Protein backbone atom coordinates (compact mmCIF):
# COMPACT_ATOMS: atom_id res chain seq x y z
CA MET A 1 -181.98 129.67 109.00
CA ARG A 2 -180.83 132.64 107.08
CA PRO A 3 -178.07 133.14 104.63
CA SER A 4 -174.50 133.61 105.83
CA GLN A 5 -172.80 137.09 105.30
CA LEU A 6 -169.98 135.06 103.28
CA GLN A 7 -171.06 133.08 100.35
CA LEU A 8 -168.98 130.49 98.60
CA LEU A 9 -169.30 131.07 94.97
CA ASP A 10 -166.82 128.39 93.60
CA LEU A 11 -164.68 125.63 95.07
CA VAL A 12 -162.13 123.73 93.23
CA TYR A 13 -159.27 121.21 94.43
CA LEU A 14 -155.81 122.20 93.08
CA SER A 15 -154.15 118.97 94.27
CA ILE A 16 -155.02 115.93 96.23
CA LYS A 17 -152.32 113.45 97.45
CA ILE A 18 -153.18 110.78 100.13
CA THR A 19 -150.65 107.84 100.65
CA THR A 20 -151.05 105.06 102.88
CA ARG A 21 -148.01 104.77 105.37
CA GLN A 22 -146.69 101.16 105.05
CA SER A 23 -145.87 101.21 108.89
CA ILE A 24 -146.43 103.52 111.79
CA GLU A 25 -145.10 103.25 115.19
CA GLY A 26 -147.53 101.37 117.53
CA GLY A 27 -148.82 99.25 114.66
CA ASN A 28 -152.43 99.33 113.67
CA THR A 29 -154.34 102.46 114.62
CA ALA A 30 -157.34 102.46 116.59
CA LEU A 31 -160.26 104.29 115.17
CA PRO A 32 -160.91 107.07 115.45
CA PHE A 33 -157.29 108.18 115.22
CA ASP A 34 -156.15 110.40 117.74
CA PHE A 35 -154.36 113.46 116.47
CA ASP A 36 -152.80 114.42 119.58
CA GLY A 37 -149.12 114.96 118.75
CA VAL A 38 -149.46 114.83 114.88
CA GLN A 39 -148.08 117.93 113.12
CA ILE A 40 -150.53 119.30 110.75
CA THR A 41 -149.23 122.01 108.30
CA GLU A 42 -151.33 124.60 106.78
CA GLY A 43 -151.01 127.47 104.53
CA VAL A 44 -153.43 130.13 103.26
CA ASP A 45 -153.18 132.68 100.39
CA PHE A 46 -155.66 135.51 100.37
CA SER A 47 -156.59 137.83 97.54
CA ILE A 48 -159.19 140.55 96.82
CA LEU A 49 -160.78 139.76 93.52
CA ASP A 50 -162.89 143.05 93.21
CA ASP A 51 -161.48 146.05 91.06
CA ASN A 52 -163.05 148.19 93.76
CA LYS A 53 -160.33 147.93 96.26
CA ASP A 54 -162.21 150.50 98.65
CA ASP A 55 -165.25 148.50 99.08
CA PRO A 56 -164.17 144.78 97.85
CA ARG A 57 -166.90 142.21 98.16
CA GLN A 58 -165.20 139.17 96.24
CA PHE A 59 -162.22 137.25 97.52
CA ALA A 60 -160.17 134.26 96.85
CA LEU A 61 -158.56 131.85 99.18
CA LYS A 62 -156.39 129.12 98.51
CA PHE A 63 -155.91 126.79 101.55
CA ARG A 64 -153.45 123.96 101.88
CA ILE A 65 -153.28 120.95 104.58
CA ALA A 66 -150.42 118.79 104.90
CA LEU A 67 -149.56 115.75 107.26
CA GLU A 68 -146.11 115.00 106.28
CA ASN A 69 -145.37 112.80 109.15
CA GLU A 70 -141.77 113.99 109.43
CA ILE A 71 -141.96 115.28 112.94
CA GLY A 72 -143.95 114.29 116.11
CA LYS A 73 -146.51 111.39 116.08
CA ALA A 74 -147.24 109.74 112.68
CA ALA A 75 -150.61 109.60 111.18
CA PRO A 76 -151.82 106.60 109.18
CA TYR A 77 -151.50 108.56 106.08
CA ASP A 78 -149.40 111.16 104.26
CA VAL A 79 -151.75 113.76 103.27
CA ASP A 80 -151.17 117.00 100.97
CA ILE A 81 -154.46 118.60 99.82
CA GLU A 82 -154.89 122.37 98.23
CA VAL A 83 -158.26 123.85 97.54
CA ALA A 84 -159.15 127.21 96.23
CA GLY A 85 -162.42 129.03 96.83
CA VAL A 86 -164.03 132.11 95.67
CA PHE A 87 -166.09 134.01 98.20
CA SER A 88 -168.46 136.98 98.04
CA ILE A 89 -169.63 139.16 101.02
CA ILE A 90 -173.43 139.93 100.72
CA SER A 91 -173.76 142.29 103.82
CA ASP A 92 -172.83 145.93 104.58
CA MET A 93 -170.11 144.74 106.82
CA PRO A 94 -167.40 147.63 107.11
CA ALA A 95 -164.72 147.01 104.73
CA ALA A 96 -162.11 146.99 107.32
CA ASP A 97 -163.52 143.86 108.79
CA ARG A 98 -163.93 141.70 105.67
CA GLU A 99 -160.37 140.39 105.34
CA ASP A 100 -160.65 138.77 108.76
CA PHE A 101 -164.12 137.74 108.38
CA VAL A 102 -163.20 135.97 104.94
CA ARG A 103 -159.92 134.55 106.38
CA VAL A 104 -161.46 132.96 109.41
CA ASN A 105 -164.93 131.77 107.80
CA GLY A 106 -163.49 130.90 104.45
CA CYS A 107 -160.77 128.62 105.77
CA ALA A 108 -163.34 127.09 107.96
CA VAL A 109 -165.48 126.23 104.60
CA LEU A 110 -162.42 125.13 102.82
CA TYR A 111 -161.17 123.00 105.57
CA GLY A 112 -164.50 121.31 105.92
CA ALA A 113 -164.50 120.36 102.23
CA ILE A 114 -160.78 118.97 102.66
CA ARG A 115 -161.87 117.15 105.80
CA ASP A 116 -164.76 115.46 104.02
CA GLN A 117 -162.60 114.66 101.06
CA VAL A 118 -160.09 112.88 103.16
CA LEU A 119 -162.65 111.04 105.04
CA THR A 120 -164.26 110.00 101.62
CA LEU A 121 -160.94 108.94 100.21
CA THR A 122 -159.62 106.94 103.19
CA SER A 123 -162.76 105.22 104.02
CA ARG A 124 -161.92 102.36 101.52
CA SER A 125 -157.87 102.63 102.11
CA ALA A 126 -155.85 100.20 103.89
CA ARG A 127 -155.49 102.11 107.40
CA GLY A 128 -159.07 102.82 107.46
CA ALA A 129 -161.20 106.13 107.47
CA LEU A 130 -159.35 109.13 108.78
CA MET A 131 -161.15 112.18 109.97
CA LEU A 132 -159.11 115.22 110.38
CA PRO A 133 -159.65 117.04 113.70
CA THR A 134 -162.30 119.63 114.29
CA VAL A 135 -160.37 123.08 114.51
CA ASN A 136 -161.09 126.78 114.48
CA PHE A 137 -159.30 129.53 112.42
CA LEU A 138 -159.48 132.67 114.87
CA ASP A 139 -155.78 132.90 114.72
CA TYR A 140 -155.92 133.74 111.14
CA ARG A 141 -157.18 137.29 112.12
CA ARG A 142 -154.86 139.99 111.25
CA ASN A 143 -155.06 141.63 114.58
CA VAL A 144 -154.92 138.30 116.64
CA LYS A 145 -151.83 139.64 118.57
CA GLU A 146 -153.75 142.59 119.82
CA LEU A 147 -156.52 140.37 120.99
CA VAL A 148 -154.21 137.64 122.79
CA GLY A 149 -152.66 140.60 124.78
CA LYS A 150 -156.09 141.51 126.29
């Protein structure tokens, strides 16, 4: 095992809201819950924390996940969680590659923290434990449109 090129320096929850839905279509949910058809809203804010904009090594990400249950299949809970993380690049990665690297990998780290928090908080809730689905964040790369065309 070796250290990642991306190090998490700090993580804080900015808001956590999980509400049990009183009724959902189809009655009780079978566990594990099938997220097929559930609309998950996400948002990300990226910023460079370094004064040295030509060779930045410290970055901040704010990441939000919401299950609003207004469109598509309803999940057993309404969820709205926002978390912020401070990250550092510890390698000689080219500066041009860092933003994409932080966006993709940083969001994966923050999503993992949110996923664990949702599971923990719902494990003793009325509709049972809810584990958010496993996802990837490759579409957060700035040049994803160029890659899709290949």
